[in-house]
Amino acid sequence: MLIETFSPQETFELGRKIGSETGAGAVFTLIGDLGTGKTVFTQGLAQGLGIREPVNSPTFTIMQIYDSGRIPFYHFDVYRIGDVSEMEEIGYEDCFYGEGVCLIEWADLIEEILPEHYTEIKISKDLKKGFDYRAIQLEEKGHR
């Protein structure tokens, strides 16, 4: 499914809607270049889960856990990961297969350990359609 947004607020609202409709065990992968709105989307998703605290990309910590919403939210940013074994060190399996919702930024870097089923979200820009335009592709995936 392709969804087009034309402002950061619309991107946030899409994330909020998805967060409000999702349940425990959901895994989302988030792929997009720097500056495409991944953090804005993630903040919306967190709000949809009932999280009111500030949500920022955990670029240097790899994972941030938010447990103040209706279900836990595990936010991964694996951009700086050197090797998939680093994911084992932080206990990713408890998050991927637990009772919360996972969102993994730059998930294409750890594709071999993704769960069998997840929702891939790709965000891209098209400056011809406007500075704030975003094309957001959602696709249900089965891994291998």
N, C-alpha and C. Protein backbone atom coordinates (compact mmCIF):
# COMPACT_ATOMS: atom_id res chain seq x y z
N MET A 1 0.83 -1.16 0.00
CA MET A 1 0.00 0.00 0.00
C MET A 1 0.89 1.24 0.00
N LEU A 2 0.59 2.21 -0.85
CA LEU A 2 1.33 3.46 -0.92
C LEU A 2 0.47 4.57 -0.33
N ILE A 3 1.04 5.30 0.61
CA ILE A 3 0.37 6.44 1.22
C ILE A 3 1.25 7.65 0.99
N GLU A 4 0.66 8.74 0.55
CA GLU A 4 1.40 9.97 0.33
C GLU A 4 1.05 10.96 1.43
N THR A 5 2.08 11.60 1.99
CA THR A 5 1.86 12.67 2.96
C THR A 5 2.52 13.93 2.42
N PHE A 6 1.99 15.07 2.85
CA PHE A 6 2.47 16.34 2.31
C PHE A 6 2.95 17.30 3.39
N SER A 7 3.07 16.79 4.63
CA SER A 7 3.59 17.60 5.73
C SER A 7 4.09 16.66 6.81
N PRO A 8 4.99 17.17 7.66
CA PRO A 8 5.43 16.34 8.79
C PRO A 8 4.25 15.91 9.67
N GLN A 9 3.25 16.78 9.83
CA GLN A 9 2.09 16.44 10.66
C GLN A 9 1.32 15.25 10.06
N GLU A 10 1.19 15.20 8.74
CA GLU A 10 0.51 14.07 8.10
C GLU A 10 1.31 12.78 8.30
N THR A 11 2.62 12.86 8.22
CA THR A 11 3.48 11.70 8.45
C THR A 11 3.33 11.22 9.89
N PHE A 12 3.32 12.18 10.83
CA PHE A 12 3.12 11.87 12.24
C PHE A 12 1.77 11.19 12.45
N GLU A 13 0.72 11.73 11.84
CA GLU A 13 -0.63 11.19 12.01
C GLU A 13 -0.75 9.77 11.45
N LEU A 14 -0.06 9.49 10.35
CA LEU A 14 -0.06 8.14 9.82
C LEU A 14 0.56 7.18 10.84
N GLY A 15 1.69 7.57 11.41
CA GLY A 15 2.32 6.76 12.44
C GLY A 15 1.40 6.57 13.64
N ARG A 16 0.73 7.64 14.06
CA ARG A 16 -0.19 7.57 15.20
C ARG A 16 -1.33 6.60 14.93
N LYS A 17 -1.89 6.67 13.72
CA LYS A 17 -2.99 5.78 13.34
C LYS A 17 -2.53 4.32 13.39
N ILE A 18 -1.37 4.04 12.81
CA ILE A 18 -0.84 2.67 12.82
C ILE A 18 -0.59 2.21 14.26
N GLY A 19 -0.01 3.07 15.08
CA GLY A 19 0.25 2.73 16.47
C GLY A 19 -1.02 2.44 17.25
N SER A 20 -2.07 3.19 16.98
CA SER A 20 -3.32 3.00 17.72
C SER A 20 -4.03 1.72 17.30
N GLU A 21 -3.73 1.22 16.10
CA GLU A 21 -4.41 0.03 15.59
C GLU A 21 -3.59 -1.25 15.75
N THR A 22 -2.34 -1.13 16.18
CA THR A 22 -1.49 -2.32 16.27
C THR A 22 -1.54 -2.95 17.66
N GLY A 23 -1.12 -4.20 17.71
CA GLY A 23 -1.14 -4.91 18.98
C GLY A 23 0.19 -5.56 19.29
N ALA A 24 0.24 -6.23 20.42
CA ALA A 24 1.45 -6.90 20.88
C ALA A 24 1.94 -7.90 19.84
N GLY A 25 3.25 -7.94 19.69
CA GLY A 25 3.88 -8.86 18.76
C GLY A 25 4.15 -8.29 17.38
N ALA A 26 3.67 -7.09 17.12
CA ALA A 26 3.89 -6.47 15.81
C ALA A 26 5.35 -6.02 15.67
N VAL A 27 5.90 -6.25 14.49
CA VAL A 27 7.26 -5.80 14.17
C VAL A 27 7.18 -4.99 12.90
N PHE A 28 7.72 -3.78 12.96
CA PHE A 28 7.78 -2.88 11.82
C PHE A 28 9.24 -2.61 11.49
N THR A 29 9.57 -2.66 10.22
CA THR A 29 10.90 -2.22 9.80
C THR A 29 10.72 -0.88 9.11
N LEU A 30 11.66 0.02 9.33
CA LEU A 30 11.54 1.37 8.80
C LEU A 30 12.80 1.70 8.01
N ILE A 31 12.59 1.93 6.72
CA ILE A 31 13.71 2.17 5.81
C ILE A 31 13.52 3.50 5.11
N GLY A 32 14.56 4.30 5.09
CA GLY A 32 14.52 5.59 4.41
C GLY A 32 15.82 6.33 4.63
N ASP A 33 16.15 7.17 3.69
CA ASP A 33 17.38 7.95 3.81
C ASP A 33 17.28 8.93 4.98
N LEU A 34 18.41 9.49 5.37
CA LEU A 34 18.43 10.54 6.39
C LEU A 34 17.53 11.68 5.95
N GLY A 35 16.74 12.18 6.88
CA GLY A 35 15.90 13.34 6.59
C GLY A 35 14.59 13.03 5.90
N THR A 36 14.19 11.76 5.84
CA THR A 36 12.92 11.44 5.17
C THR A 36 11.72 11.46 6.12
N GLY A 37 11.97 11.54 7.41
CA GLY A 37 10.85 11.60 8.35
C GLY A 37 10.66 10.34 9.18
N LYS A 38 11.70 9.51 9.27
CA LYS A 38 11.58 8.29 10.06
C LYS A 38 11.28 8.59 11.52
N THR A 39 11.94 9.59 12.08
CA THR A 39 11.72 9.93 13.49
C THR A 39 10.33 10.50 13.70
N VAL A 40 9.86 11.33 12.80
CA VAL A 40 8.51 11.90 12.91
C VAL A 40 7.47 10.78 12.87
N PHE A 41 7.63 9.85 11.94
CA PHE A 41 6.72 8.71 11.84
C PHE A 41 6.74 7.91 13.15
N THR A 42 7.95 7.64 13.66
CA THR A 42 8.12 6.86 14.88
C THR A 42 7.47 7.56 16.07
N GLN A 43 7.62 8.87 16.17
CA GLN A 43 6.99 9.62 17.26
C GLN A 43 5.47 9.49 17.19
N GLY A 44 4.92 9.50 15.99
CA GLY A 44 3.49 9.30 15.84
C GLY A 44 3.06 7.91 16.26
N LEU A 45 3.83 6.90 15.84
CA LEU A 45 3.52 5.52 16.21
C LEU A 45 3.53 5.37 17.73
N ALA A 46 4.54 5.95 18.37
CA ALA A 46 4.63 5.89 19.84
C ALA A 46 3.42 6.55 20.49
N GLN A 47 3.00 7.69 19.97
CA GLN A 47 1.82 8.35 20.54
C GLN A 47 0.58 7.48 20.37
N GLY A 48 0.47 6.80 19.23
CA GLY A 48 -0.63 5.89 19.01
C GLY A 48 -0.65 4.72 19.99
N LEU A 49 0.53 4.38 20.52
CA LEU A 49 0.65 3.34 21.54
C LEU A 49 0.40 3.88 22.95
N GLY A 50 0.15 5.19 23.05
CA GLY A 50 -0.12 5.80 24.34
C GLY A 50 1.10 6.34 25.05
N ILE A 51 2.21 6.44 24.36
CA ILE A 51 3.45 6.93 24.97
C ILE A 51 3.47 8.45 24.86
N ARG A 52 3.66 9.12 25.96
CA ARG A 52 3.65 10.59 25.99
C ARG A 52 5.03 11.19 26.19
N GLU A 53 6.00 10.36 26.59
CA GLU A 53 7.35 10.88 26.80
C GLU A 53 8.02 11.15 25.46
N PRO A 54 9.07 11.99 25.43
CA PRO A 54 9.77 12.27 24.17
C PRO A 54 10.38 11.00 23.57
N VAL A 55 10.25 10.85 22.26
CA VAL A 55 10.80 9.71 21.54
C VAL A 55 11.79 10.23 20.51
N ASN A 56 13.02 9.77 20.63
CA ASN A 56 14.07 10.16 19.69
C ASN A 56 14.76 8.91 19.18
N SER A 57 15.45 9.06 18.06
CA SER A 57 16.14 7.92 17.47
C SER A 57 17.30 7.48 18.36
N PRO A 58 17.36 6.17 18.71
CA PRO A 58 18.42 5.68 19.59
C PRO A 58 19.70 5.33 18.83
N THR A 59 20.18 6.25 18.01
CA THR A 59 21.31 5.98 17.12
C THR A 59 22.53 5.45 17.85
N PHE A 60 22.83 5.98 19.02
CA PHE A 60 24.06 5.58 19.70
C PHE A 60 23.84 4.47 20.73
N THR A 61 22.60 4.23 21.12
CA THR A 61 22.31 3.17 22.09
C THR A 61 21.74 1.92 21.43
N ILE A 62 21.43 1.98 20.17
CA ILE A 62 20.84 0.92 19.34
C ILE A 62 19.38 0.65 19.69
N MET A 63 19.03 0.59 20.98
CA MET A 63 17.65 0.30 21.35
C MET A 63 17.19 1.19 22.50
N GLN A 64 15.95 1.62 22.40
CA GLN A 64 15.31 2.36 23.49
C GLN A 64 14.00 1.67 23.80
N ILE A 65 13.71 1.46 25.07
CA ILE A 65 12.46 0.83 25.49
C ILE A 65 11.56 1.87 26.12
N TYR A 66 10.31 1.90 25.66
CA TYR A 66 9.30 2.78 26.24
C TYR A 66 8.20 1.88 26.79
N ASP A 67 7.96 1.96 28.09
CA ASP A 67 6.94 1.09 28.67
C ASP A 67 5.82 1.87 29.35
N SER A 68 5.66 3.12 28.97
CA SER A 68 4.62 3.94 29.59
C SER A 68 3.30 3.93 28.80
N GLY A 69 3.27 3.22 27.68
CA GLY A 69 2.05 3.15 26.88
C GLY A 69 1.23 1.92 27.21
N ARG A 70 0.27 1.62 26.37
CA ARG A 70 -0.61 0.47 26.62
C ARG A 70 0.10 -0.86 26.45
N ILE A 71 1.16 -0.91 25.64
CA ILE A 71 2.04 -2.07 25.52
C ILE A 71 3.47 -1.54 25.34
N PRO A 72 4.47 -2.34 25.68
CA PRO A 72 5.86 -1.86 25.52
C PRO A 72 6.19 -1.56 24.05
N PHE A 73 7.05 -0.59 23.87
CA PHE A 73 7.51 -0.19 22.54
C PHE A 73 9.03 -0.29 22.53
N TYR A 74 9.55 -1.12 21.62
CA TYR A 74 10.98 -1.31 21.46
C TYR A 74 11.42 -0.63 20.17
N HIS A 75 12.19 0.43 20.32
CA HIS A 75 12.63 1.23 19.17
C HIS A 75 14.12 0.98 18.93
N PHE A 76 14.41 0.37 17.79
CA PHE A 76 15.78 0.06 17.42
C PHE A 76 16.25 1.00 16.31
N ASP A 77 17.51 1.41 16.37
CA ASP A 77 18.17 2.09 15.26
C ASP A 77 19.49 1.35 15.07
N VAL A 78 19.55 0.53 14.04
CA VAL A 78 20.72 -0.33 13.84
C VAL A 78 21.71 0.24 12.83
N TYR A 79 21.60 1.54 12.55
CA TYR A 79 22.48 2.18 11.57
C TYR A 79 23.96 1.98 11.89
N ARG A 80 24.31 2.05 13.16
CA ARG A 80 25.72 1.97 13.56
C ARG A 80 26.16 0.58 13.98
N ILE A 81 25.32 -0.40 13.77
CA ILE A 81 25.67 -1.76 14.19
C ILE A 81 26.78 -2.29 13.27
N GLY A 82 27.79 -2.89 13.88
CA GLY A 82 28.91 -3.41 13.10
C GLY A 82 28.68 -4.83 12.63
N ASP A 83 27.98 -5.60 13.44
CA ASP A 83 27.79 -7.02 13.15
C ASP A 83 26.48 -7.46 13.81
N VAL A 84 25.80 -8.39 13.19
CA VAL A 84 24.52 -8.87 13.70
C VAL A 84 24.66 -9.44 15.11
N SER A 85 25.84 -9.94 15.46
CA SER A 85 26.04 -10.50 16.81
C SER A 85 25.82 -9.44 17.89
N GLU A 86 25.99 -8.17 17.56
CA GLU A 86 25.72 -7.09 18.52
C GLU A 86 24.25 -7.09 18.93
N MET A 87 23.38 -7.52 18.03
CA MET A 87 21.95 -7.58 18.35
C MET A 87 21.70 -8.66 19.41
N GLU A 88 22.44 -9.75 19.34
CA GLU A 88 22.29 -10.81 20.33
C GLU A 88 22.70 -10.30 21.71
N GLU A 89 23.72 -9.47 21.75
CA GLU A 89 24.20 -8.92 23.02
C GLU A 89 23.15 -8.07 23.72
N ILE A 90 22.29 -7.42 22.97
CA ILE A 90 21.26 -6.58 23.59
C ILE A 90 19.93 -7.32 23.75
N GLY A 91 19.91 -8.60 23.42
CA GLY A 91 18.71 -9.41 23.65
C GLY A 91 17.55 -9.09 22.72
N TYR A 92 17.84 -8.93 21.45
CA TYR A 92 16.81 -8.55 20.48
C TYR A 92 15.65 -9.54 20.43
N GLU A 93 15.93 -10.84 20.64
CA GLU A 93 14.87 -11.85 20.50
C GLU A 93 13.73 -11.62 21.49
N ASP A 94 14.06 -11.17 22.70
CA ASP A 94 13.02 -10.88 23.69
C ASP A 94 12.08 -9.78 23.19
N CYS A 95 12.62 -8.87 22.40
CA CYS A 95 11.82 -7.77 21.86
C CYS A 95 11.06 -8.20 20.60
N PHE A 96 11.75 -8.83 19.67
CA PHE A 96 11.13 -9.24 18.41
C PHE A 96 9.99 -10.22 18.64
N TYR A 97 10.12 -11.06 19.65
CA TYR A 97 9.14 -12.13 19.88
C TYR A 97 8.41 -11.96 21.21
N GLY A 98 8.41 -10.74 21.75
CA GLY A 98 7.81 -10.48 23.05
C GLY A 98 6.39 -9.95 22.95
N GLU A 99 5.98 -9.30 24.02
CA GLU A 99 4.61 -8.81 24.15
C GLU A 99 4.47 -7.33 23.81
N GLY A 100 5.45 -6.78 23.13
CA GLY A 100 5.39 -5.37 22.77
C GLY A 100 5.34 -5.18 21.28
N VAL A 101 5.64 -3.95 20.86
CA VAL A 101 5.72 -3.58 19.45
C VAL A 101 7.16 -3.17 19.18
N CYS A 102 7.72 -3.68 18.08
CA CYS A 102 9.09 -3.32 17.67
C CYS A 102 9.05 -2.45 16.43
N LEU A 103 9.90 -1.44 16.42
CA LEU A 103 10.14 -0.67 15.21
C LEU A 103 11.64 -0.63 15.03
N ILE A 104 12.12 -1.05 13.86
CA ILE A 104 13.55 -1.18 13.60
C ILE A 104 13.93 -0.27 12.43
N GLU A 105 14.66 0.80 12.74
CA GLU A 105 15.17 1.68 11.69
C GLU A 105 16.41 1.05 11.07
N TRP A 106 16.56 1.22 9.76
CA TRP A 106 17.69 0.68 8.99
C TRP A 106 17.70 -0.86 9.05
N ALA A 107 16.53 -1.46 9.09
CA ALA A 107 16.39 -2.90 9.27
C ALA A 107 17.03 -3.71 8.15
N ASP A 108 17.24 -3.11 7.00
CA ASP A 108 17.88 -3.84 5.91
C ASP A 108 19.30 -4.28 6.28
N LEU A 109 19.89 -3.67 7.32
CA LEU A 109 21.24 -4.04 7.76
C LEU A 109 21.26 -5.32 8.60
N ILE A 110 20.08 -5.73 9.08
CA ILE A 110 20.02 -6.95 9.91
C ILE A 110 18.96 -7.92 9.35
N GLU A 111 18.79 -7.90 8.07
CA GLU A 111 17.73 -8.67 7.43
C GLU A 111 17.73 -10.16 7.82
N GLU A 112 18.92 -10.73 8.01
CA GLU A 112 18.99 -12.17 8.28
C GLU A 112 18.41 -12.58 9.63
N ILE A 113 18.20 -11.64 10.55
CA ILE A 113 17.62 -12.02 11.86
C ILE A 113 16.20 -11.51 12.05
N LEU A 114 15.63 -10.90 11.03
CA LEU A 114 14.26 -10.40 11.17
C LEU A 114 13.30 -11.58 11.36
N PRO A 115 12.21 -11.35 12.07
CA PRO A 115 11.25 -12.44 12.26
C PRO A 115 10.60 -12.85 10.94
N GLU A 116 9.91 -13.97 10.97
CA GLU A 116 9.31 -14.51 9.75
C GLU A 116 8.30 -13.54 9.14
N HIS A 117 7.53 -12.87 9.98
CA HIS A 117 6.51 -11.93 9.49
C HIS A 117 6.74 -10.56 10.11
N TYR A 118 6.68 -9.53 9.28
CA TYR A 118 6.80 -8.16 9.74
C TYR A 118 6.21 -7.23 8.69
N THR A 119 6.05 -5.98 9.05
CA THR A 119 5.56 -4.96 8.12
C THR A 119 6.73 -4.04 7.77
N GLU A 120 7.04 -3.98 6.49
CA GLU A 120 8.12 -3.10 6.02
C GLU A 120 7.51 -1.75 5.65
N ILE A 121 8.13 -0.69 6.16
CA ILE A 121 7.71 0.67 5.86
C ILE A 121 8.90 1.38 5.21
N LYS A 122 8.70 1.82 3.98
CA LYS A 122 9.74 2.57 3.27
C LYS A 122 9.25 3.99 3.07
N ILE A 123 10.08 4.96 3.47
CA ILE A 123 9.73 6.37 3.31
C ILE A 123 10.71 6.99 2.34
N SER A 124 10.18 7.68 1.34
CA SER A 124 11.05 8.37 0.38
C SER A 124 10.49 9.75 0.07
N LYS A 125 11.37 10.61 -0.42
CA LYS A 125 11.01 11.98 -0.80
C LYS A 125 10.94 12.07 -2.31
N ASP A 126 10.22 13.07 -2.79
CA ASP A 126 10.22 13.44 -4.21
C ASP A 126 10.07 14.95 -4.25
N LEU A 127 11.20 15.64 -4.39
CA LEU A 127 11.18 17.10 -4.32
C LEU A 127 10.33 17.74 -5.42
N LYS A 128 10.08 17.01 -6.51
CA LYS A 128 9.20 17.53 -7.56
C LYS A 128 7.77 17.69 -7.06
N LYS A 129 7.42 16.91 -6.03
CA LYS A 129 6.07 16.98 -5.48
C LYS A 129 6.00 17.88 -4.24
N GLY A 130 7.12 18.48 -3.88
CA GLY A 130 7.14 19.40 -2.74
C GLY A 130 8.16 18.98 -1.70
N PHE A 131 8.65 19.97 -0.96
CA PHE A 131 9.69 19.75 0.04
C PHE A 131 9.25 18.76 1.12
N ASP A 132 7.98 18.83 1.53
CA ASP A 132 7.49 17.99 2.61
C ASP A 132 6.78 16.73 2.13
N TYR A 133 6.76 16.50 0.83
CA TYR A 133 6.10 15.30 0.29
C TYR A 133 6.87 14.05 0.71
N ARG A 134 6.12 13.01 1.12
CA ARG A 134 6.70 11.71 1.42
C ARG A 134 5.84 10.62 0.81
N ALA A 135 6.49 9.67 0.17
CA ALA A 135 5.82 8.46 -0.31
C ALA A 135 6.13 7.38 0.73
N ILE A 136 5.10 6.82 1.34
CA ILE A 136 5.27 5.84 2.40
C ILE A 136 4.65 4.52 1.94
N GLN A 137 5.52 3.56 1.71
CA GLN A 137 5.12 2.24 1.21
C GLN A 137 5.05 1.27 2.37
N LEU A 138 3.88 0.66 2.58
CA LEU A 138 3.70 -0.36 3.62
C LEU A 138 3.49 -1.70 2.95
N GLU A 139 4.27 -2.69 3.39
CA GLU A 139 4.18 -4.01 2.78
C GLU A 139 4.35 -5.10 3.82
N GLU A 140 3.40 -6.00 3.90
CA GLU A 140 3.52 -7.16 4.79
C GLU A 140 4.56 -8.10 4.19
N LYS A 141 5.48 -8.57 5.04
CA LYS A 141 6.56 -9.42 4.55
C LYS A 141 6.59 -10.74 5.32
N GLY A 142 7.01 -11.76 4.60
CA GLY A 142 7.34 -13.04 5.20
C GLY A 142 8.80 -13.26 4.90
N HIS A 143 9.58 -13.52 5.90
CA HIS A 143 11.04 -13.63 5.74
C HIS A 143 11.40 -15.07 5.36
N ARG A 144 12.01 -15.20 4.20
CA ARG A 144 12.46 -16.47 3.62
C ARG A 144 11.31 -17.41 3.53
